[in-house]
Amino acid sequence: MPTWIDHLGSARSALMYCLLTAGLLAGCSTNKEQMLPHGQNTMMDVWNQGTTGSAGSSSGRQLLDARSELRRPIDVRATQPLQDSAAYTRTAQNEIYSQ
């Protein structure tokens, strides 16, 4: 003989199935353009905007070009002391040969 708990469980499961079905149907009722509009931007426009930080990609590109022109080459005289001490640096090869 069924009790009131059995009827309550089936009513809950029926309600859950109805809510699940309604949620799935609501998710399928829209399209890609409505959910994710992209406008007139191409992938290159999005990339340039993200890498330069602004929508004006030409001004950002000019800034990068100016920075690259201002970079100085490494001064050979400044790195000379590092090269002089390289002969006295312990390496795996030096340790093997010294044994």
C-alpha atoms as a PDB file:
ATOM      1  CA  MET A   1       0.000   0.000   0.000  1.00  0.00           C
ATOM      2  CA  PRO A   2       1.572   3.349  -1.024  1.00  0.00           C
ATOM      3  CA  THR A   3       2.101   6.007   1.596  1.00  0.00           C
ATOM      4  CA  TRP A   4       2.141   9.795   1.317  1.00  0.00           C
ATOM      5  CA  ILE A   5       5.980   9.752   1.136  1.00  0.00           C
ATOM      6  CA  ASP A   6       5.874   7.709  -2.082  1.00  0.00           C
ATOM      7  CA  HIS A   7       3.563  10.240  -3.735  1.00  0.00           C
ATOM      8  CA  LEU A   8       5.702  13.148  -2.569  1.00  0.00           C
ATOM      9  CA  GLY A   9       8.850  11.611  -4.071  1.00  0.00           C
ATOM     10  CA  SER A  10       7.245  11.043  -7.453  1.00  0.00           C
ATOM     11  CA  ALA A  11       5.846  14.588  -7.448  1.00  0.00           C
ATOM     12  CA  ARG A  12       9.305  15.989  -6.689  1.00  0.00           C
ATOM     13  CA  SER A  13      10.940  13.950  -9.420  1.00  0.00           C
ATOM     14  CA  ALA A  14       8.260  15.006 -11.910  1.00  0.00           C
ATOM     15  CA  LEU A  15       8.817  18.646 -10.954  1.00  0.00           C
ATOM     16  CA  MET A  16      12.587  18.249 -11.332  1.00  0.00           C
ATOM     17  CA  TYR A  17      12.172  16.664 -14.775  1.00  0.00           C
ATOM     18  CA  CYS A  18       9.871  19.503 -15.840  1.00  0.00           C
ATOM     19  CA  LEU A  19      12.357  22.134 -14.640  1.00  0.00           C
ATOM     20  CA  LEU A  20      15.226  20.358 -16.355  1.00  0.00           C
ATOM     21  CA  THR A  21      13.297  20.115 -19.618  1.00  0.00           C
ATOM     22  CA  ALA A  22      12.288  23.780 -19.430  1.00  0.00           C
ATOM     23  CA  GLY A  23      15.911  24.776 -18.816  1.00  0.00           C
ATOM     24  CA  LEU A  24      17.165  22.748 -21.755  1.00  0.00           C
ATOM     25  CA  LEU A  25      14.512  24.155 -24.070  1.00  0.00           C
ATOM     26  CA  ALA A  26      15.276  27.704 -22.945  1.00  0.00           C
ATOM     27  CA  GLY A  27      18.952  27.147 -23.702  1.00  0.00           C
ATOM     28  CA  CYS A  28      18.164  25.917 -27.204  1.00  0.00           C
ATOM     29  CA  SER A  29      15.798  28.784 -28.009  1.00  0.00           C
ATOM     30  CA  THR A  30      18.571  31.306 -28.759  1.00  0.00           C
ATOM     31  CA  ASN A  31      21.170  31.466 -31.507  1.00  0.00           C
ATOM     32  CA  LYS A  32      24.887  32.196 -31.610  1.00  0.00           C
ATOM     33  CA  GLU A  33      24.564  35.755 -32.890  1.00  0.00           C
ATOM     34  CA  GLN A  34      22.191  36.669 -30.088  1.00  0.00           C
ATOM     35  CA  MET A  35      24.393  35.159 -27.373  1.00  0.00           C
ATOM     36  CA  LEU A  36      27.830  36.157 -28.711  1.00  0.00           C
ATOM     37  CA  PRO A  37      27.608  39.160 -31.045  1.00  0.00           C
ATOM     38  CA  HIS A  38      30.896  39.990 -32.733  1.00  0.00           C
ATOM     39  CA  GLY A  39      30.041  43.068 -34.788  1.00  0.00           C
ATOM     40  CA  GLN A  40      32.293  44.035 -37.683  1.00  0.00           C
ATOM     41  CA  ASN A  41      35.616  43.188 -35.989  1.00  0.00           C
ATOM     42  CA  THR A  42      37.825  40.588 -37.587  1.00  0.00           C
ATOM     43  CA  MET A  43      40.132  38.339 -35.610  1.00  0.00           C
ATOM     44  CA  MET A  44      43.084  40.547 -36.614  1.00  0.00           C
ATOM     45  CA  ASP A  45      41.314  43.621 -35.196  1.00  0.00           C
ATOM     46  CA  VAL A  46      40.679  41.820 -31.920  1.00  0.00           C
ATOM     47  CA  TRP A  47      44.323  40.686 -31.789  1.00  0.00           C
ATOM     48  CA  ASN A  48      45.687  44.164 -32.484  1.00  0.00           C
ATOM     49  CA  GLN A  49      43.389  45.697 -29.913  1.00  0.00           C
ATOM     50  CA  GLY A  50      44.487  43.188 -27.289  1.00  0.00           C
ATOM     51  CA  THR A  51      48.214  43.515 -27.965  1.00  0.00           C
ATOM     52  CA  THR A  52      48.375  47.304 -28.187  1.00  0.00           C
ATOM     53  CA  GLY A  53      45.876  48.048 -25.454  1.00  0.00           C
ATOM     54  CA  SER A  54      43.711  50.377 -27.541  1.00  0.00           C
ATOM     55  CA  ALA A  55      41.430  50.276 -30.523  1.00  0.00           C
ATOM     56  CA  GLY A  56      43.810  52.464 -32.571  1.00  0.00           C
ATOM     57  CA  SER A  57      46.197  49.754 -33.689  1.00  0.00           C
ATOM     58  CA  SER A  58      48.272  52.106 -35.858  1.00  0.00           C
ATOM     59  CA  SER A  59      49.201  54.324 -32.898  1.00  0.00           C
ATOM     60  CA  GLY A  60      50.086  51.271 -30.827  1.00  0.00           C
ATOM     61  CA  ARG A  61      52.209  49.936 -33.662  1.00  0.00           C
ATOM     62  CA  GLN A  62      53.996  53.285 -33.939  1.00  0.00           C
ATOM     63  CA  LEU A  63      54.738  53.143 -30.230  1.00  0.00           C
ATOM     64  CA  LEU A  64      56.252  49.676 -30.541  1.00  0.00           C
ATOM     65  CA  ASP A  65      58.340  50.787 -33.527  1.00  0.00           C
ATOM     66  CA  ALA A  66      59.644  53.814 -31.621  1.00  0.00           C
ATOM     67  CA  ARG A  67      60.581  51.674 -28.633  1.00  0.00           C
ATOM     68  CA  SER A  68      62.470  49.209 -30.795  1.00  0.00           C
ATOM     69  CA  GLU A  69      64.439  52.044 -32.421  1.00  0.00           C
ATOM     70  CA  LEU A  70      65.450  53.444 -29.037  1.00  0.00           C
ATOM     71  CA  ARG A  71      66.818  50.172 -27.719  1.00  0.00           C
ATOM     72  CA  ARG A  72      70.571  50.287 -27.419  1.00  0.00           C
ATOM     73  CA  PRO A  73      72.810  47.403 -28.366  1.00  0.00           C
ATOM     74  CA  ILE A  74      74.773  45.681 -25.636  1.00  0.00           C
ATOM     75  CA  ASP A  75      78.050  47.459 -24.979  1.00  0.00           C
ATOM     76  CA  VAL A  76      80.942  45.073 -25.570  1.00  0.00           C
ATOM     77  CA  ARG A  77      83.148  46.900 -23.046  1.00  0.00           C
ATOM     78  CA  ALA A  78      80.535  46.449 -20.322  1.00  0.00           C
ATOM     79  CA  THR A  79      80.441  42.693 -20.851  1.00  0.00           C
ATOM     80  CA  GLN A  80      84.236  42.292 -21.031  1.00  0.00           C
ATOM     81  CA  PRO A  81      84.745  41.698 -17.255  1.00  0.00           C
ATOM     82  CA  LEU A  82      82.213  38.873 -17.407  1.00  0.00           C
ATOM     83  CA  GLN A  83      84.114  37.231 -20.231  1.00  0.00           C
ATOM     84  CA  ASP A  84      87.431  37.670 -18.403  1.00  0.00           C
ATOM     85  CA  SER A  85      86.152  35.803 -15.357  1.00  0.00           C
ATOM     86  CA  ALA A  86      84.642  33.014 -17.448  1.00  0.00           C
ATOM     87  CA  ALA A  87      87.953  31.121 -17.391  1.00  0.00           C
ATOM     88  CA  TYR A  88      87.851  31.009 -13.573  1.00  0.00           C
ATOM     89  CA  THR A  89      84.229  29.940 -13.306  1.00  0.00           C
ATOM     90  CA  ARG A  90      83.519  26.440 -12.053  1.00  0.00           C
ATOM     91  CA  THR A  91      81.729  24.348 -14.622  1.00  0.00           C
ATOM     92  CA  ALA A  92      80.989  20.660 -14.812  1.00  0.00           C
ATOM     93  CA  GLN A  93      83.650  20.276 -17.477  1.00  0.00           C
ATOM     94  CA  ASN A  94      86.287  22.031 -15.330  1.00  0.00           C
ATOM     95  CA  GLU A  95      85.434  19.860 -12.349  1.00  0.00           C
ATOM     96  CA  ILE A  96      85.749  16.652 -14.366  1.00  0.00           C
ATOM     97  CA  TYR A  97      89.100  17.640 -15.860  1.00  0.00           C
ATOM     98  CA  SER A  98      90.528  18.766 -12.513  1.00  0.00           C
ATOM     99  CA  GLN A  99      90.010  15.360 -10.875  1.00  0.00           C
END
